[in-house]
Amino acid sequence: MIITFLNRKLEKELSSEAALIKRWGPEQAKKIKRRLIDLAAVENLEVMKTLPQARAHELSGNRSGQISVDVKHPYRLLITPDHEETPRKEDGGLDWKRVTRIKVLGVEDTHE
């Protein structure tokens, strides 16, 4: 999968092991890095739904259009499809199998 980032600052933070550890601590940094490796390795977003430890799911409400991928409780890696036109099924739902590009929005506790 092709991965882009919300901005250059976030890309630098999540791409550098030292920066990850400084910001999130060693255990959380390791999990964030693991999720990014998982995302880069899959052919499409549908595969992430099959990884029980990832618990990838769509969010609703003010986070509609975003996808949450578990890191370490309570934090989630937030992503969104990064296509010119978001791949949709006939019923209007996200077509996870056709999502091959994502944008990382950040790491957050979505329940705050």
Protein backbone atom coordinates (compact mmCIF):
# COMPACT_ATOMS: atom_id res chain seq x y z
CA MET A 1 0.00 0.00 0.00
CA ILE A 2 1.14 3.53 -0.69
CA ILE A 3 1.34 5.66 2.45
CA THR A 4 1.40 9.45 2.66
CA PHE A 5 1.19 11.67 5.73
CA LEU A 6 -0.98 14.62 6.72
CA ASN A 7 2.11 16.85 6.81
CA ARG A 8 5.90 16.74 6.76
CA LYS A 9 6.18 17.09 10.56
CA LEU A 10 4.05 13.99 11.13
CA GLU A 11 5.99 12.07 8.48
CA LYS A 12 9.29 12.90 10.18
CA GLU A 13 7.94 11.95 13.61
CA LEU A 14 6.53 8.60 12.48
CA SER A 15 9.41 7.71 10.16
CA SER A 16 12.21 8.18 12.68
CA GLU A 17 12.63 5.57 15.39
CA ALA A 18 14.36 8.10 17.65
CA ALA A 19 11.53 10.62 17.18
CA LEU A 20 8.91 7.92 17.79
CA ILE A 21 10.57 6.84 21.03
CA LYS A 22 11.03 10.43 22.19
CA ARG A 23 7.34 11.26 21.60
CA TRP A 24 5.65 7.95 22.50
CA GLY A 25 8.11 5.89 24.58
CA PRO A 26 9.73 2.62 23.47
CA GLU A 27 6.73 0.28 23.76
CA GLN A 28 4.23 2.55 22.01
CA ALA A 29 6.85 3.49 19.37
CA LYS A 30 7.37 -0.19 18.57
CA LYS A 31 3.61 -0.72 18.08
CA ILE A 32 3.21 2.38 15.89
CA LYS A 33 6.14 1.26 13.74
CA ARG A 34 4.62 -2.26 13.50
CA ARG A 35 1.30 -0.87 12.25
CA LEU A 36 3.04 1.29 9.63
CA ILE A 37 5.00 -1.75 8.46
CA ASP A 38 1.77 -3.77 8.31
CA LEU A 39 0.06 -1.06 6.26
CA ALA A 40 2.98 -0.76 3.85
CA ALA A 41 3.03 -4.53 3.34
CA VAL A 42 -0.63 -5.12 2.51
CA GLU A 43 -2.02 -4.96 -1.01
CA ASN A 44 -5.18 -3.15 0.05
CA LEU A 45 -6.96 -1.99 3.19
CA GLU A 46 -9.26 -5.04 3.24
CA VAL A 47 -6.30 -7.14 4.43
CA MET A 48 -5.98 -4.95 7.56
CA LYS A 49 -9.51 -5.98 8.56
CA THR A 50 -8.33 -9.60 8.71
CA LEU A 51 -5.58 -8.84 11.24
CA PRO A 52 -7.28 -9.21 14.65
CA GLN A 53 -4.59 -7.20 16.44
CA ALA A 54 -5.17 -4.23 14.09
CA ARG A 55 -8.94 -3.98 14.67
CA ALA A 56 -9.26 -1.67 11.66
CA HIS A 57 -12.66 -0.01 11.46
CA GLU A 58 -14.39 3.08 10.13
CA LEU A 59 -15.21 5.89 12.52
CA SER A 60 -18.41 7.91 12.59
CA GLY A 61 -19.67 11.25 13.77
CA ASN A 62 -17.14 14.07 13.58
CA ARG A 63 -14.52 11.50 12.50
CA SER A 64 -16.58 10.16 9.59
CA GLY A 65 -14.32 9.15 6.70
CA GLN A 66 -11.47 8.23 9.03
CA ILE A 67 -10.30 4.71 9.78
CA SER A 68 -8.94 3.65 13.16
CA VAL A 69 -6.20 1.03 13.48
CA ASP A 70 -5.27 -0.15 16.98
CA VAL A 71 -1.82 0.62 18.29
CA LYS A 72 -1.82 0.19 22.08
CA HIS A 73 -4.81 1.07 24.20
CA PRO A 74 -6.04 3.77 24.20
CA TYR A 75 -4.18 5.01 21.10
CA ARG A 76 -5.16 4.49 17.49
CA LEU A 77 -3.42 5.21 14.20
CA LEU A 78 -5.87 7.34 12.22
CA ILE A 79 -5.85 7.05 8.46
CA THR A 80 -8.02 7.98 5.51
CA PRO A 81 -8.13 6.73 1.91
CA ASP A 82 -5.84 8.88 -0.25
CA HIS A 83 -7.43 8.53 -3.69
CA GLU A 84 -8.72 11.33 -5.92
CA GLU A 85 -12.14 9.77 -5.48
CA THR A 86 -12.70 7.54 -2.44
CA PRO A 87 -13.46 3.96 -3.60
CA ARG A 88 -17.10 3.20 -2.78
CA LYS A 89 -19.37 0.18 -3.09
CA GLU A 90 -22.74 0.42 -4.80
CA ASP A 91 -24.42 0.96 -1.41
CA GLY A 92 -22.13 3.95 -0.72
CA GLY A 93 -19.92 2.20 1.84
CA LEU A 94 -16.14 2.24 1.65
CA ASP A 95 -14.75 -0.40 -0.72
CA TRP A 96 -11.85 -1.59 1.45
CA LYS A 97 -10.53 -3.87 -1.32
CA ARG A 98 -9.96 -0.92 -3.66
CA VAL A 99 -8.20 1.28 -1.10
CA THR A 100 -4.53 1.00 -2.08
CA ARG A 101 -3.39 4.47 -0.95
CA ILE A 102 -3.81 5.93 2.52
CA LYS A 103 -2.94 9.12 4.33
CA VAL A 104 -1.84 8.91 7.96
CA LEU A 105 -3.57 11.62 9.98
CA GLY A 106 -1.94 10.93 13.35
CA VAL A 107 -1.95 8.84 16.51
CA GLU A 108 -4.72 9.73 18.97
CA ASP A 109 -7.00 8.50 21.70
CA THR A 110 -10.28 8.66 19.79
CA HIS A 111 -12.36 8.23 22.96
CA GLU A 112 -11.37 11.49 24.61
